[in-house]
């Protein structure tokens, strides 16, 4: 398989990366609470301090941990996992 910089998928992923970097850069520059990706993930998955650990919060945290584990294994094994 040969991937070139004119491949539509490559262009799409690079455009997404540039968009993310611009959005995250603006968020870091403005320093408003709740505007970075990390802050959104902390809110979505209930990881903020003082958060009550309900079953729903624990389930969301498990989903995040499982996804991060799978993603790391997927990248490190070349897609075998």
N, C-alpha and C. Protein backbone atom coordinates (compact mmCIF):
# COMPACT_ATOMS: atom_id res chain seq x y z
N UNK A 1 0.84 -1.17 0.00
CA UNK A 1 0.00 0.00 0.00
C UNK A 1 0.89 1.24 0.00
N UNK A 2 0.59 2.17 -0.88
CA UNK A 2 1.32 3.42 -0.97
C UNK A 2 0.38 4.56 -0.62
N UNK A 3 0.81 5.38 0.31
CA UNK A 3 0.02 6.54 0.69
C UNK A 3 0.77 7.78 0.22
N UNK A 4 0.06 8.64 -0.50
CA UNK A 4 0.66 9.88 -0.97
C UNK A 4 -0.05 11.06 -0.32
N UNK A 5 0.55 12.21 -0.44
CA UNK A 5 -0.06 13.40 0.14
C UNK A 5 -1.24 13.91 -0.68
N UNK A 6 -1.51 13.29 -1.83
CA UNK A 6 -2.67 13.67 -2.62
C UNK A 6 -3.83 12.70 -2.41
N UNK A 7 -3.62 11.68 -1.58
CA UNK A 7 -4.67 10.73 -1.26
C UNK A 7 -5.76 11.44 -0.45
N UNK A 8 -7.05 11.30 -0.80
CA UNK A 8 -8.11 12.00 -0.07
C UNK A 8 -8.13 11.69 1.43
N UNK A 9 -7.86 10.45 1.81
CA UNK A 9 -7.85 10.11 3.24
C UNK A 9 -6.71 10.83 3.95
N UNK A 10 -5.54 10.89 3.32
CA UNK A 10 -4.41 11.58 3.92
C UNK A 10 -4.71 13.07 4.07
N UNK A 11 -5.26 13.66 3.04
CA UNK A 11 -5.62 15.08 3.09
C UNK A 11 -6.64 15.32 4.20
N UNK A 12 -7.63 14.44 4.32
CA UNK A 12 -8.64 14.58 5.37
C UNK A 12 -8.05 14.50 6.77
N UNK A 13 -7.17 13.50 7.00
CA UNK A 13 -6.55 13.35 8.32
C UNK A 13 -5.63 14.52 8.63
N UNK A 14 -4.89 15.00 7.65
CA UNK A 14 -4.02 16.15 7.88
C UNK A 14 -4.84 17.41 8.16
N UNK A 15 -5.96 17.56 7.44
CA UNK A 15 -6.84 18.71 7.68
C UNK A 15 -7.42 18.64 9.10
N UNK A 16 -7.82 17.43 9.52
CA UNK A 16 -8.34 17.25 10.88
C UNK A 16 -7.28 17.60 11.91
N UNK A 17 -6.04 17.17 11.67
CA UNK A 17 -4.94 17.46 12.59
C UNK A 17 -4.68 18.96 12.68
N UNK A 18 -4.67 19.63 11.55
CA UNK A 18 -4.46 21.08 11.54
C UNK A 18 -5.60 21.78 12.28
N UNK A 19 -6.85 21.35 12.03
CA UNK A 19 -8.00 21.94 12.72
C UNK A 19 -7.87 21.75 14.23
N UNK A 20 -7.50 20.52 14.66
CA UNK A 20 -7.32 20.25 16.08
C UNK A 20 -6.25 21.15 16.68
N UNK A 21 -5.10 21.25 15.99
CA UNK A 21 -4.00 22.06 16.51
C UNK A 21 -4.39 23.53 16.63
N UNK A 22 -5.14 24.04 15.65
CA UNK A 22 -5.59 25.43 15.71
C UNK A 22 -6.58 25.61 16.87
N UNK A 23 -7.56 24.73 16.98
CA UNK A 23 -8.57 24.82 18.04
C UNK A 23 -7.93 24.70 19.43
N UNK A 24 -7.05 23.73 19.60
CA UNK A 24 -6.37 23.54 20.89
C UNK A 24 -5.43 24.70 21.18
N UNK A 25 -4.76 25.21 20.15
CA UNK A 25 -3.87 26.36 20.34
C UNK A 25 -4.63 27.59 20.80
N UNK A 26 -5.79 27.84 20.19
CA UNK A 26 -6.63 28.97 20.61
C UNK A 26 -7.07 28.78 22.06
N UNK A 27 -7.48 27.55 22.39
CA UNK A 27 -7.94 27.25 23.75
C UNK A 27 -6.82 27.47 24.75
N UNK A 28 -5.62 27.04 24.42
CA UNK A 28 -4.49 27.23 25.34
C UNK A 28 -4.12 28.70 25.46
N UNK A 29 -4.21 29.43 24.37
CA UNK A 29 -3.86 30.85 24.39
C UNK A 29 -4.87 31.65 25.20
N UNK A 30 -6.17 31.34 25.05
CA UNK A 30 -7.23 32.08 25.76
C UNK A 30 -7.29 31.73 27.25
N UNK A 31 -6.91 30.50 27.59
CA UNK A 31 -6.90 30.03 28.98
C UNK A 31 -8.27 30.15 29.66
N UNK A 32 -9.34 29.93 28.92
CA UNK A 32 -10.67 29.92 29.53
C UNK A 32 -10.93 28.52 30.07
N UNK A 33 -11.56 28.43 31.23
CA UNK A 33 -11.87 27.11 31.79
C UNK A 33 -12.80 26.32 30.86
N UNK A 34 -12.47 25.06 30.63
CA UNK A 34 -13.34 24.17 29.88
C UNK A 34 -13.23 24.25 28.37
N UNK A 35 -12.15 24.81 27.82
CA UNK A 35 -12.10 24.91 26.37
C UNK A 35 -11.06 23.99 25.70
N UNK A 36 -10.20 23.31 26.47
CA UNK A 36 -9.25 22.39 25.86
C UNK A 36 -9.85 21.00 25.74
N UNK A 37 -9.25 20.17 24.93
CA UNK A 37 -9.72 18.80 24.78
C UNK A 37 -9.63 18.06 26.12
N UNK A 38 -8.54 18.24 26.83
CA UNK A 38 -8.38 17.57 28.12
C UNK A 38 -9.51 17.93 29.07
N UNK A 39 -9.84 19.20 29.15
CA UNK A 39 -10.91 19.62 30.05
C UNK A 39 -12.25 19.03 29.65
N UNK A 40 -12.50 18.93 28.35
CA UNK A 40 -13.74 18.31 27.90
C UNK A 40 -13.77 16.83 28.25
N UNK A 41 -12.66 16.14 28.04
CA UNK A 41 -12.61 14.71 28.38
C UNK A 41 -12.83 14.52 29.87
N UNK A 42 -12.24 15.37 30.71
CA UNK A 42 -12.43 15.26 32.15
C UNK A 42 -13.90 15.44 32.53
N UNK A 43 -14.58 16.35 31.84
CA UNK A 43 -16.01 16.57 32.11
C UNK A 43 -16.83 15.39 31.59
N UNK A 44 -16.58 14.98 30.34
CA UNK A 44 -17.37 13.90 29.73
C UNK A 44 -17.26 12.60 30.50
N UNK A 45 -16.07 12.32 31.05
CA UNK A 45 -15.85 11.04 31.71
C UNK A 45 -15.82 11.15 33.23
N UNK A 46 -16.23 12.29 33.76
CA UNK A 46 -16.41 12.46 35.19
C UNK A 46 -15.16 12.27 36.02
N UNK A 47 -14.04 12.79 35.55
CA UNK A 47 -12.79 12.59 36.28
C UNK A 47 -12.43 13.78 37.17
N UNK A 48 -13.28 14.80 37.23
CA UNK A 48 -12.95 15.96 38.04
C UNK A 48 -13.02 15.61 39.53
N UNK A 49 -12.23 16.31 40.31
CA UNK A 49 -12.16 16.06 41.75
C UNK A 49 -13.51 16.38 42.39
N UNK A 50 -13.87 15.58 43.36
CA UNK A 50 -15.12 15.80 44.07
C UNK A 50 -16.33 15.23 43.37
N UNK A 51 -16.12 14.61 42.24
CA UNK A 51 -17.23 14.02 41.48
C UNK A 51 -17.71 12.76 42.17
N UNK A 52 -19.01 12.65 42.38
CA UNK A 52 -19.58 11.45 43.00
C UNK A 52 -19.38 10.27 42.06
N UNK A 53 -18.91 9.15 42.60
CA UNK A 53 -18.61 7.97 41.77
C UNK A 53 -19.84 7.07 41.66
N UNK A 54 -20.79 7.50 40.85
CA UNK A 54 -21.98 6.70 40.59
C UNK A 54 -21.61 5.58 39.62
N UNK A 55 -22.52 4.65 39.43
CA UNK A 55 -22.29 3.58 38.46
C UNK A 55 -22.10 4.12 37.06
N UNK A 56 -22.84 5.17 36.70
CA UNK A 56 -22.73 5.77 35.37
C UNK A 56 -21.35 6.39 35.18
N UNK A 57 -20.83 7.08 36.20
CA UNK A 57 -19.50 7.69 36.12
C UNK A 57 -18.44 6.60 36.01
N UNK A 58 -18.56 5.55 36.80
CA UNK A 58 -17.60 4.46 36.73
C UNK A 58 -17.63 3.77 35.37
N UNK A 59 -18.82 3.62 34.78
CA UNK A 59 -18.93 3.02 33.45
C UNK A 59 -18.23 3.89 32.41
N UNK A 60 -18.46 5.21 32.48
CA UNK A 60 -17.81 6.12 31.52
C UNK A 60 -16.30 6.08 31.66
N UNK A 61 -15.81 6.01 32.90
CA UNK A 61 -14.36 5.92 33.12
C UNK A 61 -13.80 4.61 32.58
N UNK A 62 -14.56 3.53 32.75
CA UNK A 62 -14.12 2.24 32.21
C UNK A 62 -14.04 2.30 30.69
N UNK A 63 -15.05 2.89 30.06
CA UNK A 63 -15.05 3.02 28.59
C UNK A 63 -13.84 3.82 28.13
N UNK A 64 -13.52 4.92 28.81
CA UNK A 64 -12.35 5.72 28.46
C UNK A 64 -11.07 4.91 28.61
N UNK A 65 -10.92 4.21 29.74
CA UNK A 65 -9.71 3.41 29.97
C UNK A 65 -9.59 2.29 28.95
N UNK A 66 -10.69 1.60 28.65
CA UNK A 66 -10.66 0.51 27.67
C UNK A 66 -10.30 1.04 26.28
N UNK A 67 -10.88 2.17 25.90
CA UNK A 67 -10.57 2.75 24.60
C UNK A 67 -9.12 3.16 24.50
N UNK A 68 -8.59 3.80 25.54
CA UNK A 68 -7.19 4.24 25.52
C UNK A 68 -6.25 3.03 25.48
N UNK A 69 -6.58 1.97 26.21
CA UNK A 69 -5.77 0.76 26.16
C UNK A 69 -5.80 0.16 24.76
N UNK A 70 -7.01 0.03 24.19
CA UNK A 70 -7.12 -0.53 22.84
C UNK A 70 -6.37 0.33 21.83
N UNK A 71 -6.52 1.63 21.90
CA UNK A 71 -5.87 2.52 20.93
C UNK A 71 -4.35 2.40 21.00
N UNK A 72 -3.81 2.36 22.22
CA UNK A 72 -2.36 2.20 22.38
C UNK A 72 -1.90 0.86 21.81
N UNK A 73 -2.62 -0.21 22.14
CA UNK A 73 -2.26 -1.54 21.63
C UNK A 73 -2.40 -1.59 20.11
N UNK A 74 -3.44 -0.96 19.58
CA UNK A 74 -3.69 -0.93 18.14
C UNK A 74 -2.52 -0.26 17.41
N UNK A 75 -2.08 0.89 17.93
CA UNK A 75 -0.96 1.60 17.30
C UNK A 75 0.34 0.83 17.43
N UNK A 76 0.58 0.27 18.61
CA UNK A 76 1.86 -0.40 18.87
C UNK A 76 1.99 -1.74 18.14
N UNK A 77 0.87 -2.39 17.81
CA UNK A 77 0.93 -3.69 17.14
C UNK A 77 0.73 -3.58 15.63
N UNK A 78 0.64 -2.37 15.12
CA UNK A 78 0.44 -2.20 13.68
C UNK A 78 -0.93 -2.62 13.21
N UNK A 79 -1.92 -2.57 14.08
CA UNK A 79 -3.29 -2.89 13.71
C UNK A 79 -3.70 -4.32 13.99
N UNK A 80 -2.81 -5.09 14.60
CA UNK A 80 -3.15 -6.47 14.91
C UNK A 80 -4.28 -6.54 15.93
N UNK A 81 -4.30 -5.59 16.87
CA UNK A 81 -5.34 -5.54 17.90
C UNK A 81 -6.41 -4.60 17.45
